Amino acid sequence: MTGKDIVPFVHAVENVFSTMLSLQVDVGEPTLRTDDDNGADISGIISVFGDMQGSVVMAFPTATGEALASLFIGIEVTSDSEDFADAVGELANMVAGNAKAEFKD
């Protein structure tokens, strides 16, 4: 992947968060993570296969994941709820699908 390959993922997060969660995303300067401690307790991971292969990972602190899942589902959920993992996984799936659709060729 190149630096320009991040653009479809940025657009996908902006699109999914605005349409599904009614949230505006303020995108900062992308950086490479240099250590394993990114402050994220919750991760939604979607594998992508075909011409483009890899994983799309959306990672959040627990409180952020709970807030996003609650907005998505429409009721308050906590990380120990049965619906929590499904909600985070579906958000990651939508971001991956939106990004994949933006790639050309």
Protein backbone atom coordinates (compact mmCIF):
# COMPACT_ATOMS: atom_id res chain seq x y z
CA MET A 1 0.00 0.00 0.00
CA THR A 2 1.03 3.58 -0.57
CA GLY A 3 0.18 6.78 1.25
CA LYS A 4 -2.61 7.51 -1.22
CA ASP A 5 -4.25 4.18 -0.33
CA ILE A 6 -5.36 5.61 3.01
CA VAL A 7 -7.68 8.12 1.28
CA PRO A 8 -10.51 5.62 0.56
CA PHE A 9 -10.47 4.58 4.22
CA VAL A 10 -10.67 8.20 5.39
CA HIS A 11 -13.59 8.80 3.03
CA ALA A 12 -15.26 5.59 4.21
CA VAL A 13 -15.01 6.56 7.88
CA GLU A 14 -16.39 10.02 7.09
CA ASN A 15 -19.27 8.51 5.09
CA VAL A 16 -20.21 5.73 7.53
CA PHE A 17 -19.96 7.94 10.61
CA SER A 18 -22.04 10.74 9.03
CA THR A 19 -24.76 8.51 7.56
CA MET A 20 -25.03 5.80 10.20
CA LEU A 21 -24.09 7.70 13.37
CA SER A 22 -24.87 11.34 12.44
CA LEU A 23 -21.32 12.27 13.45
CA GLN A 24 -18.89 14.55 11.69
CA VAL A 25 -15.33 13.24 11.62
CA ASP A 26 -12.42 15.64 11.88
CA VAL A 27 -9.49 13.92 10.18
CA GLY A 28 -6.02 14.80 11.38
CA GLU A 29 -2.72 14.09 9.73
CA PRO A 30 -2.31 10.32 9.24
CA THR A 31 0.68 8.85 11.06
CA LEU A 32 2.18 5.41 11.42
CA ARG A 33 1.82 3.87 14.84
CA THR A 34 5.24 3.28 16.34
CA ASP A 35 4.30 1.19 19.37
CA ASP A 36 1.69 -1.30 20.49
CA ASP A 37 0.04 1.02 23.03
CA ASN A 38 -2.50 3.05 21.07
CA GLY A 39 -5.01 3.43 23.91
CA ALA A 40 -7.50 1.16 22.16
CA ASP A 41 -9.30 -1.52 24.14
CA ILE A 42 -11.88 -2.46 21.50
CA SER A 43 -11.14 -3.48 17.90
CA GLY A 44 -13.36 -4.37 14.98
CA ILE A 45 -11.35 -6.38 12.43
CA ILE A 46 -12.48 -7.22 8.90
CA SER A 47 -10.31 -9.26 6.52
CA VAL A 48 -10.29 -8.29 2.85
CA PHE A 49 -9.53 -10.78 0.09
CA GLY A 50 -9.21 -10.60 -3.67
CA ASP A 51 -6.88 -8.28 -5.58
CA MET A 52 -6.47 -6.29 -2.38
CA GLN A 53 -5.69 -8.39 0.67
CA GLY A 54 -5.30 -7.40 4.29
CA SER A 55 -7.29 -6.36 7.33
CA VAL A 56 -9.26 -3.26 8.19
CA VAL A 57 -9.04 -2.50 11.90
CA MET A 58 -11.09 0.10 13.72
CA ALA A 59 -9.83 0.48 17.29
CA PHE A 60 -11.27 2.57 20.13
CA PRO A 61 -11.03 3.09 23.85
CA THR A 62 -13.91 1.21 25.54
CA ALA A 63 -15.96 4.34 26.24
CA THR A 64 -15.73 5.45 22.60
CA GLY A 65 -16.68 1.98 21.33
CA GLU A 66 -19.68 1.90 23.66
CA ALA A 67 -20.81 5.36 22.54
CA LEU A 68 -20.49 4.46 18.84
CA ALA A 69 -22.24 1.11 19.26
CA SER A 70 -25.05 2.80 21.19
CA LEU A 71 -25.52 5.42 18.44
CA PHE A 72 -25.48 2.71 15.79
CA ILE A 73 -27.97 0.40 17.53
CA GLY A 74 -30.15 3.19 18.88
CA ILE A 75 -30.07 2.01 22.49
CA GLU A 76 -27.41 2.25 25.16
CA VAL A 77 -25.09 -0.77 25.15
CA THR A 78 -21.98 -1.60 27.11
CA SER A 79 -19.01 -3.67 26.08
CA ASP A 80 -20.41 -6.70 27.92
CA SER A 81 -23.70 -6.59 25.96
CA GLU A 82 -24.45 -9.35 23.45
CA ASP A 83 -25.01 -6.72 20.74
CA PHE A 84 -21.82 -4.74 21.33
CA ALA A 85 -19.38 -6.90 19.33
CA ASP A 86 -21.87 -7.21 16.46
CA ALA A 87 -22.28 -3.43 16.29
CA VAL A 88 -18.54 -2.72 16.29
CA GLY A 89 -17.97 -5.47 13.72
CA GLU A 90 -20.71 -4.15 11.46
CA LEU A 91 -19.29 -0.61 11.60
CA ALA A 92 -15.87 -2.00 10.62
CA ASN A 93 -17.51 -4.03 7.85
CA MET A 94 -19.26 -0.94 6.44
CA VAL A 95 -16.03 1.07 6.51
CA ALA A 96 -14.15 -1.75 4.76
CA GLY A 97 -16.88 -2.12 2.12
CA ASN A 98 -17.06 1.62 1.46
CA ALA A 99 -13.27 1.85 1.13
CA LYS A 100 -13.02 -1.19 -1.11
CA ALA A 101 -15.65 0.29 -3.45
CA GLU A 102 -13.55 3.44 -3.85
CA PHE A 103 -10.44 1.63 -5.03
CA LYS A 104 -10.04 1.63 -8.79
CA ASP A 105 -8.90 -1.51 -10.64
